[in-house]
Protein backbone atom coordinates (compact mmCIF):
# COMPACT_ATOMS: atom_id res chain seq x y z
CA MET A 1 -39.80 -7.09 34.25
CA VAL A 2 -36.09 -7.45 35.25
CA THR A 3 -36.11 -3.52 35.18
CA VAL A 4 -38.97 -3.63 38.26
CA PHE A 5 -36.90 -5.81 39.96
CA LEU A 6 -33.87 -3.84 39.51
CA TYR A 7 -35.50 -0.93 40.76
CA PHE A 8 -37.20 -1.94 44.14
CA ALA A 9 -33.83 -3.88 44.79
CA TRP A 10 -31.98 -0.03 44.38
CA ILE A 11 -34.55 1.19 46.75
CA TYR A 12 -33.96 -1.53 49.67
CA TYR A 13 -30.14 -1.98 49.02
CA SER A 14 -29.15 1.47 47.56
CA PRO A 15 -25.63 2.65 48.77
CA ILE A 16 -26.92 6.34 49.01
CA SER A 17 -29.38 5.48 51.94
CA PHE A 18 -26.66 3.48 53.41
CA LEU A 19 -24.49 6.62 53.41
CA LEU A 20 -27.29 8.67 54.84
CA GLY A 21 -27.56 6.49 57.63
CA HIS A 22 -30.37 4.24 56.75
CA PRO A 23 -30.46 0.91 57.12
CA LEU A 24 -30.40 -1.32 54.32
CA GLY A 25 -33.31 -3.68 53.45
CA THR A 26 -35.84 -1.42 54.50
CA PHE A 27 -37.98 0.99 52.75
CA PRO A 28 -36.48 4.65 52.75
CA THR A 29 -38.22 7.89 53.52
CA ILE A 30 -39.95 10.18 51.05
CA PRO A 31 -37.00 12.07 50.20
CA LEU A 32 -34.57 9.14 49.97
CA PHE A 33 -37.10 7.45 47.98
CA ILE A 34 -37.08 10.50 45.83
CA LEU A 35 -33.51 10.41 45.58
CA ASN A 36 -32.83 7.03 44.57
CA THR A 37 -35.53 7.06 41.71
CA ILE A 38 -33.51 10.24 40.44
CA VAL A 39 -30.37 8.33 40.60
CA PHE A 40 -31.59 5.39 39.07
CA ILE A 41 -33.10 6.28 36.14
CA PRO A 42 -30.23 7.47 34.23
CA LEU A 43 -27.94 5.03 35.98
CA CYS A 44 -30.58 1.65 34.31
CA TYR A 45 -30.55 3.69 31.14
CA TYR A 46 -26.68 3.60 30.39
CA VAL A 47 -26.14 -0.03 31.79
CA ILE A 48 -28.85 -1.05 28.92
CA ARG A 49 -27.53 1.20 26.68
CA LEU A 50 -24.15 -0.57 27.09
CA TRP A 51 -25.43 -3.74 27.23
CA LEU A 52 -27.15 -3.46 24.08
CA ARG A 53 -23.63 -1.99 22.23
CA THR A 54 -21.49 -4.94 23.79
CA MET A 55 -24.06 -7.77 22.38
CA MET A 56 -23.91 -5.78 19.19
CA ARG A 57 -20.37 -6.46 18.50
CA ARG A 58 -19.88 -9.74 19.93
CA LYS A 59 -19.71 -12.28 16.69
CA SER A 60 -19.20 -15.55 18.88
CA GLY A 61 -20.38 -17.18 22.48
CA PRO A 62 -23.44 -17.10 23.94
CA ALA A 63 -26.05 -14.29 22.97
CA ALA A 64 -23.75 -13.19 20.29
CA GLY A 65 -25.86 -10.19 18.51
CA ILE A 66 -29.05 -9.45 18.39
CA ASP A 67 -32.12 -10.28 16.71
CA THR A 68 -33.87 -8.25 14.39
CA VAL A 69 -37.80 -8.16 14.60
CA GLU A 70 -40.04 -7.15 11.66
CA SER A 71 -41.06 -3.22 11.61
CA GLY A 72 -45.25 -3.10 12.58
CA ASP A 73 -47.53 -4.91 15.22
CA GLY A 74 -46.41 -8.69 16.40
CA VAL A 75 -49.62 -10.46 14.63
CA PRO A 76 -49.06 -13.62 14.24
CA GLU A 77 -49.56 -15.15 10.51
CA SER A 78 -50.24 -18.62 9.38
CA GLY A 79 -46.46 -20.46 9.45
CA ASP A 80 -45.23 -18.21 12.22
CA GLU A 81 -45.47 -21.67 14.61
CA TRP A 82 -43.70 -23.12 12.44
CA GLY A 83 -40.63 -20.76 12.33
CA PHE A 84 -40.81 -19.30 9.15
CA ALA A 85 -40.43 -15.79 7.90
CA THR A 86 -43.62 -14.43 6.22
CA ARG A 87 -42.46 -11.03 5.56
CA PRO A 88 -41.59 -10.55 1.84
CA TYR A 89 -37.93 -11.14 1.05
CA SER A 90 -35.60 -10.55 -1.88
CA PHE A 91 -32.47 -11.93 -2.01
CA LYS A 92 -29.66 -9.23 -2.52
CA PRO A 93 -26.12 -10.20 -3.43
CA PRO A 94 -23.51 -9.26 -1.68
CA SER A 95 -20.87 -7.11 -3.68
CA LYS A 96 -17.78 -8.97 -4.65
CA VAL A 97 -15.52 -6.35 -4.48
CA ILE A 98 -16.52 -3.95 -1.62
CA GLY A 99 -18.15 -5.23 2.21
CA PHE A 100 -18.52 -3.44 5.14
CA LYS A 101 -15.11 -2.07 7.04
CA SER A 102 -12.08 -4.20 6.29
CA ASP A 103 -11.88 -7.97 4.79
CA ILE A 104 -8.02 -7.85 5.73
CA ARG A 105 -8.20 -6.53 9.28
CA GLU A 106 -10.81 -4.89 11.45
CA SER A 107 -11.26 -1.05 11.12
CA PRO A 108 -11.46 0.98 14.36
CA ILE A 109 -15.45 1.50 15.53
CA GLY A 110 -16.12 5.23 15.33
CA ILE A 111 -14.25 5.63 12.38
CA ASP A 112 -15.24 9.05 10.47
CA ALA A 113 -14.21 11.84 8.26
CA GLY A 114 -13.21 13.62 11.60
CA PHE A 115 -10.43 10.84 12.26
CA PHE A 116 -8.63 12.06 9.17
CA VAL A 117 -8.40 15.25 10.46
CA LYS A 118 -5.56 14.29 12.80
CA ILE A 119 -2.35 14.66 11.44
CA PRO A 120 -0.39 10.77 12.05
CA ASP A 121 1.83 11.00 15.40
CA LEU A 122 5.32 10.26 14.01
CA ALA A 123 6.82 10.67 17.51
CA SER A 124 4.88 8.05 19.03
CA GLY A 125 5.68 4.15 18.85
CA GLU A 126 9.24 2.25 19.22
CA ALA A 127 11.98 3.36 16.77
CA ILE A 128 12.85 1.65 14.04
CA PHE A 129 16.75 2.82 13.67
CA ASP A 130 19.09 3.25 16.44
CA ALA A 131 19.28 7.48 16.43
CA SER A 132 22.95 7.38 17.93
CA GLU A 133 23.71 4.73 15.44
CA LEU A 134 22.66 7.27 12.43
CA ARG A 135 23.92 9.89 14.08
CA SER A 136 27.16 8.51 13.51
CA LYS A 137 26.82 7.88 10.12
CA VAL A 138 25.72 11.31 9.34
CA MET A 139 28.96 13.06 11.03
CA LYS A 140 31.23 10.81 8.95
CA ARG A 141 31.94 12.11 5.25
CA SER A 142 31.20 9.37 2.27
CA LYS A 143 34.56 7.98 0.70
CA VAL A 144 33.15 8.45 -2.84
CA SER A 145 36.54 8.48 -4.48
CA SER A 146 37.78 5.53 -2.97
CA GLY A 147 34.48 3.29 -3.29
CA GLY A 148 34.81 2.63 0.16
CA TRP A 149 30.92 3.44 0.79
CA ILE A 150 29.14 2.02 -2.08
CA ASN A 151 29.79 -1.06 -4.42
CA LYS A 152 29.59 1.14 -7.83
CA ARG A 153 31.87 1.34 -10.65
CA VAL A 154 33.53 4.51 -10.64
CA SER A 155 32.09 5.31 -13.43
CA SER A 156 28.74 5.48 -12.32
CA ARG A 157 28.77 7.10 -9.24
CA SER A 158 28.76 10.52 -10.67
CA ALA A 159 25.66 9.50 -12.89
CA GLY A 160 22.61 7.63 -12.36
CA SER A 161 21.21 3.89 -11.26
CA LEU A 162 19.19 3.81 -14.47
CA LYS A 163 20.21 2.90 -17.83
CA ALA A 164 18.03 4.75 -20.41
CA SER A 165 18.39 5.08 -24.01
CA GLU A 166 16.52 7.90 -26.25
CA THR A 167 15.79 9.58 -23.43
CA SER A 168 19.07 12.37 -22.91
CA GLN A 169 21.14 14.15 -25.40
CA HIS A 170 24.40 13.27 -23.64
CA GLY A 171 26.16 10.57 -22.98
CA ARG A 172 27.60 7.65 -25.49
CA SER A 173 26.11 7.71 -29.21
CA SER A 174 25.06 4.02 -29.51
CA ARG A 175 23.31 4.28 -32.84
CA PHE A 176 21.52 6.74 -35.29
CA ARG A 177 17.89 7.14 -36.55
CA ILE A 178 15.62 9.12 -38.19
CA PRO A 179 14.75 12.29 -36.48
CA PRO A 180 10.93 12.07 -35.52
CA ASN A 181 11.14 15.85 -35.16
CA LYS A 182 13.98 18.52 -35.52
CA ALA A 183 17.07 16.77 -35.11
CA SER A 184 19.14 17.49 -32.02
CA SER A 185 22.60 16.11 -33.23
CA ILE A 186 22.94 15.06 -36.55
CA HIS A 187 25.01 11.71 -37.24
CA LEU A 188 27.27 12.86 -39.94
CA PRO A 189 28.52 9.25 -41.49
CA SER A 190 24.83 7.63 -41.93
CA THR A 191 23.48 11.15 -43.41
CA VAL A 192 26.36 11.02 -45.94
CA ILE A 193 25.92 7.33 -46.72
CA ALA A 194 21.95 8.30 -47.12
CA ALA A 195 22.63 11.14 -49.64
CA VAL A 196 24.63 8.84 -51.63
CA ALA A 197 22.24 6.13 -51.60
CA ARG A 198 19.38 8.25 -52.67
CA THR A 199 21.09 10.10 -55.74
CA GLY A 200 23.29 7.07 -56.86
CA ARG A 201 26.89 7.40 -58.00
CA ILE A 202 28.59 10.43 -57.71
CA ALA A 203 30.97 12.06 -60.32
CA PRO A 204 34.59 12.81 -59.73
CA GLY A 205 34.39 16.42 -58.24
CA GLN A 206 30.40 16.57 -58.03
CA LYS A 207 29.03 17.56 -54.43
CA ILE A 208 26.98 15.32 -52.30
CA ALA A 209 23.11 17.32 -51.89
CA ILE A 210 21.88 16.23 -48.88
CA SER A 211 18.18 16.73 -48.60
CA ARG A 212 16.10 16.57 -45.41
CA SER A 213 14.87 13.09 -46.04
CA ASP A 214 18.83 11.93 -45.75
CA ILE A 215 19.40 13.60 -42.01
CA ARG A 216 19.97 11.02 -39.51
CA GLU A 217 20.31 11.78 -35.69
CA LYS A 218 22.35 10.37 -32.89
CA VAL A 219 20.71 8.05 -30.66
CA PHE A 220 22.55 8.31 -26.77
CA THR A 221 22.59 5.83 -23.96
CA ALA A 222 23.59 7.08 -20.80
CA ARG A 223 22.71 6.35 -17.23
CA ILE A 224 19.97 8.85 -15.58
CA PRO A 225 19.58 9.49 -12.01
CA LEU A 226 16.67 7.84 -10.11
CA THR A 227 13.88 9.95 -7.81
CA VAL A 228 13.25 7.06 -5.52
CA ILE A 229 10.35 7.65 -3.47
CA LEU A 230 10.07 4.90 -0.15
CA VAL A 231 6.59 4.52 1.00
CA ILE A 232 7.33 3.04 4.38
CA ASP A 233 4.51 1.16 6.73
CA VAL A 234 5.21 2.36 10.41
CA SER A 235 1.67 0.66 11.80
CA MET A 236 1.82 -1.62 14.64
CA SER A 237 1.50 -4.72 12.39
CA MET A 238 5.26 -3.89 11.15
CA LYS A 239 6.72 -4.51 14.63
CA GLY A 240 7.65 -7.85 13.98
CA SER A 241 9.52 -6.84 10.86
CA MET A 242 11.50 -4.17 11.61
CA SER A 243 14.95 -6.11 11.02
CA GLN A 244 13.90 -6.66 7.49
CA VAL A 245 12.92 -2.99 6.81
CA ARG A 246 16.68 -1.53 8.49
CA ASP A 247 18.55 -4.20 6.25
CA LEU A 248 16.38 -3.38 2.93
CA LEU A 249 17.34 0.81 3.75
CA GLU A 250 20.65 -0.22 4.26
CA ARG A 251 21.16 -1.73 0.73
CA ILE A 252 19.23 0.79 -1.03
CA GLU A 253 21.35 3.51 0.82
CA ARG A 254 24.86 1.54 -0.37
CA GLU A 255 23.94 1.26 -3.86
CA THR A 256 22.58 5.16 -3.70
CA ARG A 257 24.60 7.07 -1.80
CA GLY A 258 27.53 8.42 -3.72
CA SER A 259 25.78 8.48 -7.05
CA ARG A 260 23.45 11.41 -8.47
CA ASP A 261 20.23 9.16 -7.66
CA ARG A 262 17.61 11.27 -5.00
CA ALA A 263 15.88 9.60 -2.68
CA GLY A 264 12.52 10.57 -0.06
CA ILE A 265 10.54 8.99 2.53
CA ILE A 266 7.19 8.62 2.88
CA ALA A 267 5.72 7.27 6.19
CA PHE A 268 2.54 6.22 6.66
CA LYS A 269 0.39 5.26 10.09
CA ASP A 270 -3.12 5.77 11.35
CA SER A 271 -5.20 8.33 9.65
CA GLY A 272 -2.39 9.33 6.83
CA ALA A 273 0.40 9.62 5.40
CA VAL A 274 3.43 12.16 6.01
CA GLU A 275 6.61 13.47 3.46
CA VAL A 276 9.33 12.70 6.07
CA GLN A 277 11.79 13.99 3.46
CA ILE A 278 11.92 15.52 0.26
CA PRO A 279 13.58 13.92 -2.33
CA THR A 280 17.33 14.38 -2.25
CA SER A 281 20.68 13.28 -2.77
CA ASN A 282 22.14 14.19 0.50
CA TRP A 283 22.18 10.84 2.14
CA ASN A 284 22.57 12.92 5.70
CA LYS A 285 19.17 14.39 5.80
CA ILE A 286 17.82 11.41 4.84
CA TYR A 287 19.35 9.50 7.88
CA ARG A 288 17.78 12.47 9.83
CA GLY A 289 14.62 11.44 8.43
CA PHE A 290 15.12 7.47 9.72
CA THR A 291 15.45 8.69 12.94
CA GLN A 292 11.50 10.39 12.94
CA LEU A 293 10.39 6.33 11.93
CA ARG A 294 8.22 4.91 14.88
CA VAL A 295 6.02 2.35 14.61
CA SER A 296 2.56 2.25 15.76
CA GLY A 297 -1.11 2.76 14.79
CA LEU A 298 -2.95 1.79 11.84
CA THR A 299 -2.16 1.04 8.34
CA PRO A 300 -3.41 3.83 5.79
CA LEU A 301 -1.93 2.08 2.83
CA ALA A 302 -3.51 3.72 0.04
CA GLU A 303 -3.02 6.97 1.56
CA GLY A 304 0.89 6.76 1.14
CA LEU A 305 0.35 5.51 -2.74
CA MET A 306 -1.40 8.92 -2.93
CA LYS A 307 1.05 10.81 -0.90
CA SER A 308 3.90 9.39 -3.21
CA LEU A 309 1.81 10.41 -6.41
CA GLU A 310 1.71 13.90 -5.16
CA THR A 311 5.17 13.92 -4.69
CA VAL A 312 5.81 12.70 -8.01
CA LYS A 313 3.98 15.57 -9.76
CA ARG A 314 5.66 18.09 -7.38
CA GLU A 315 8.65 16.90 -8.38
CA ARG A 316 8.00 16.74 -12.21
CA MET A 317 6.79 20.34 -12.33
CA ARG A 318 10.44 20.74 -10.72
CA ARG A 319 12.30 18.86 -13.48
CA GLU A 320 10.68 17.20 -16.27
CA ASN A 321 12.39 14.81 -16.92
CA ILE A 322 12.60 12.76 -13.90
CA GLU A 323 12.47 8.86 -13.45
CA PRO A 324 10.44 7.94 -10.51
CA LEU A 325 10.31 4.60 -8.47
CA VAL A 326 8.16 4.25 -5.95
CA ILE A 327 9.00 1.59 -3.36
CA ILE A 328 6.32 0.43 -1.29
CA ILE A 329 7.53 -1.38 2.16
CA SER A 330 4.88 -2.67 4.00
CA ASP A 331 3.10 -6.28 5.43
CA PHE A 332 0.32 -5.16 2.63
CA ALA A 333 -2.68 -5.51 5.27
CA PRO A 334 -4.58 -2.21 5.15
CA ASN A 335 -7.65 -1.57 7.33
CA VAL A 336 -7.75 2.30 6.79
CA PRO A 337 -9.64 3.95 3.69
CA LEU A 338 -8.94 6.79 1.84
CA ALA A 339 -10.71 10.23 3.51
CA GLN A 340 -13.44 10.46 0.83
CA SER A 341 -14.68 6.50 1.48
CA VAL A 342 -15.87 7.59 4.98
CA GLY A 343 -17.93 10.80 4.46
CA PRO A 344 -21.86 11.08 4.09
CA GLY A 345 -23.57 8.51 1.51
CA GLN A 346 -20.60 6.10 1.66
CA ALA A 347 -21.63 3.74 4.33
CA ARG A 348 -20.34 0.52 2.40
CA TYR A 349 -16.05 0.85 2.11
CA THR A 350 -12.98 -1.02 2.12
CA PRO A 351 -9.47 -0.21 2.26
CA VAL A 352 -8.89 -2.90 -0.61
CA ARG A 353 -10.93 -1.01 -3.16
CA ASP A 354 -9.03 2.50 -2.08
CA LEU A 355 -6.02 0.50 -3.02
CA VAL A 356 -6.55 -0.67 -6.17
CA LYS A 357 -7.92 2.63 -7.08
CA ALA A 358 -4.57 4.52 -5.61
CA SER A 359 -2.26 1.69 -7.63
CA ARG A 360 -3.85 2.79 -10.87
CA MET A 361 -3.41 6.10 -10.82
CA LEU A 362 0.40 5.82 -10.22
CA ARG A 363 -0.05 3.57 -13.47
CA LYS A 364 -1.80 6.15 -15.27
CA ALA A 365 1.18 8.77 -14.21
CA ASN A 366 3.64 6.34 -15.40
CA VAL A 367 5.16 5.51 -12.22
CA ARG A 368 7.65 2.49 -12.12
CA LEU A 369 5.93 0.63 -8.77
CA ALA A 370 7.42 -1.97 -6.71
CA ALA A 371 5.93 -3.86 -3.78
CA VAL A 372 8.37 -5.21 -1.23
CA ASN A 373 6.55 -7.42 1.35
CA VAL A 374 7.82 -8.11 4.68
CA ASP A 375 5.72 -10.70 5.89
CA PRO A 376 8.02 -13.71 6.74
CA LYS A 377 4.81 -16.03 6.28
CA GLN A 378 4.28 -15.20 2.51
CA VAL A 379 7.16 -17.66 1.74
CA LYS A 380 4.76 -20.36 2.02
CA TRP A 381 3.95 -19.50 -1.65
CA VAL A 382 7.56 -19.55 -2.93
CA ARG A 383 7.92 -22.77 -1.66
CA ILE A 384 4.43 -24.30 -2.67
CA LEU A 385 4.94 -23.15 -6.35
CA LYS A 386 8.89 -23.56 -6.43
CA ARG A 387 8.91 -20.14 -8.66
CA PRO A 388 9.94 -16.67 -7.55
CA TYR A 389 7.34 -14.55 -5.48
CA HIS A 390 5.54 -12.78 -7.88
CA ASP A 391 5.43 -15.01 -10.59
CA ALA A 392 4.12 -17.56 -7.62
CA LEU A 393 1.34 -15.30 -6.63
CA GLU A 394 0.42 -14.83 -10.58
CA LEU A 395 0.54 -18.49 -11.07
CA ALA A 396 -1.56 -19.31 -7.82
CA THR A 397 -4.27 -16.36 -9.38
CA MET A 398 -4.37 -18.08 -12.64
CA LEU A 399 -5.41 -21.52 -11.39
CA ARG A 400 -7.60 -20.08 -9.49
CA MET A 401 -9.06 -18.01 -12.11
CA ARG A 402 -9.65 -20.96 -14.11
CA LYS A 403 -11.72 -22.92 -11.33
CA GLU A 404 -13.68 -19.97 -10.72
CA GLY A 405 -14.59 -19.25 -14.09
CA HIS A 406 -13.56 -15.54 -13.99
CA ASP A 407 -12.66 -13.68 -16.63
CA ASN A 408 -9.45 -11.71 -15.61
CA PRO A 409 -7.03 -11.69 -12.68
CA MET A 410 -7.97 -8.66 -10.69
CA GLU A 411 -11.77 -10.04 -10.50
CA THR A 412 -10.15 -13.57 -8.69
CA LEU A 413 -8.20 -11.13 -6.21
CA LEU A 414 -10.83 -9.28 -5.79
CA THR A 415 -13.64 -12.06 -4.90
CA VAL A 416 -11.23 -14.81 -3.40
CA PRO A 417 -11.46 -13.87 0.46
CA VAL A 418 -7.88 -15.65 0.98
CA PHE A 419 -6.24 -13.87 -1.98
CA ARG A 420 -7.75 -10.56 -0.96
CA LYS A 421 -6.11 -10.84 2.75
CA THR A 422 -2.59 -12.44 1.85
CA PHE A 423 -1.95 -11.28 -2.06
CA GLY A 424 -1.69 -7.30 -0.99
CA ALA A 425 1.45 -6.73 -2.82
CA TYR A 426 0.39 -8.59 -5.86
CA LEU A 427 -2.50 -6.51 -5.83
CA VAL A 428 -0.85 -3.56 -5.56
CA ALA A 429 1.48 -4.50 -8.61
CA ARG A 430 -0.82 -5.84 -10.83
CA ALA A 431 -2.99 -2.77 -10.38
CA GLY A 432 -0.06 -0.32 -10.30
CA GLY A 433 1.65 -2.21 -13.58
CA GLY A 434 4.81 -3.20 -11.32
CA HIS A 435 6.28 -5.95 -9.70
CA ALA A 436 5.81 -7.61 -6.38
CA TYR A 437 8.99 -8.91 -4.18
CA LEU A 438 9.65 -10.67 -0.97
CA SER A 439 12.08 -9.41 1.10
CA ARG A 440 14.02 -12.11 1.98
CA GLU A 441 14.19 -12.77 -1.83
CA LEU A 442 14.97 -9.42 -2.74
CA MET A 443 18.07 -9.48 -0.26
CA ARG A 444 19.58 -12.42 -1.78
CA THR A 445 20.17 -10.36 -5.31
CA ASP A 446 23.60 -8.67 -6.07
CA SER A 447 21.93 -5.49 -6.71
CA VAL A 448 18.38 -4.34 -5.30
CA LEU A 449 17.88 -1.32 -7.12
CA GLY A 450 18.94 -3.29 -10.03
CA GLU A 451 16.52 -6.11 -9.70
CA LEU A 452 13.52 -3.36 -8.64
CA LEU A 453 14.75 -1.50 -12.11
CA LYS A 454 14.51 -4.75 -14.08
CA GLY A 455 11.26 -5.76 -12.54
CA SER A 456 9.62 -2.68 -13.18
CA HIS A 457 10.08 -3.40 -16.84
CA GLU A 458 9.12 -7.38 -16.70
CA LYS A 459 5.92 -8.50 -17.87
CA VAL A 460 4.88 -11.77 -16.52
CA ARG A 461 3.30 -13.99 -18.56
CA LEU A 462 2.33 -17.36 -18.09
CA GLY A 463 1.54 -19.94 -20.66
CA ALA A 464 -1.02 -23.13 -21.12
CA LEU A 465 1.84 -25.33 -20.24
CA ASP A 466 2.97 -23.20 -17.12
CA LEU A 467 -0.67 -23.79 -15.74
CA VAL A 468 -0.85 -27.83 -16.83
CA GLU A 469 2.48 -28.22 -14.83
CA SER A 470 1.49 -26.83 -11.83
CA GLU A 471 -2.10 -28.33 -11.90
CA ALA A 472 -0.08 -31.68 -12.23
CA TYR A 473 2.70 -30.84 -9.60
CA LEU A 474 0.01 -29.56 -6.98
CA SER A 475 -2.34 -32.82 -7.81
CA HIS A 476 0.54 -35.32 -6.11
């Protein structure tokens, strides 16, 4: 009925007729009538299509959404007059882990496999660093010999930041052991003592008989270089945290420059991640990589983790005994999944599922992982639970796990909507076997890298007493 009314209104008041000299409000001539009808049909089709699409996108307000009607003929049945559905209905419980689009932030409408073909445009957006300031740093020579650039001991500048034991055959001998395979460096005093203990007292002039079981080898302790991979979120949601990103990267630069530690840069936004700078100990090259970091676009966090895994595998092919440390700097609010989650047959996807998958792959590859959250709102968990950031989130997860009756913390993180939206850093750390940090909390430590390495080895374990004390504290 509405369409018929609009049709006659168009015929009598068409702008086409007015432009051709025909007065408005009168029935046009036959040629004008045919021309107006030809124009009205596609125009009406596209207007109705646009209206339907707009109504489908609305989630609140008058006429939000469009009701779905039953299939088949509209034959009235008993109970319809009371508004009861007569179509057979079977309840299908929603998935606790995945959902439509993103549960954290809305993914763009129309995202498909073709979206991921495009390479992220790093040249668009607001720059994180001042290019002129970085260029001036590139021109300066690092004062490694005098210690003017970095707060490191002179003895450690030519080595690395990681104190390793039983991983290399150089450094200082700290102890001895029975060699598991072929002895690489024999510890002579302990070998002789073991031979004497086996044979008993030795007569004067008798030679000591050393067997294979008496051999002891040296165990070395040395500082070995790290391969630090900075996975930096340069999406639009990071615009309010650029100062924290700058401060954190400058601290890492002061602690690694002049040593044998190597650093690489991976930036992610829009459709994927890009390796801006391969791992290198030349910080002049890293400065040039920082000038390419510009904030804009979406947040493909899982793609950034997968790109870091590719970098680690490539570096291990070049140097077998590298010690990688992946540092993720983000607000942990992803809204773009991996490309394979958008292909045919994948109608349901969420970036959270892919985030857990990528984190577990890093853990399986024995990669140290540190998740640094730059979202200032996360400090509330530290203030409420009176604990460091990672411990506070773990305690909150354990308390909610007891309340919901879940079996493990990961199930709690994935099923509680509030935790899925705000516990992104802890979710990555938990799945990847790493540690979560708050950037402001991390900047107050004496050594950022030292704290990150310490967290990669620590395993937080909360006891029953901690849960009881926290429940009592929160109840007051």
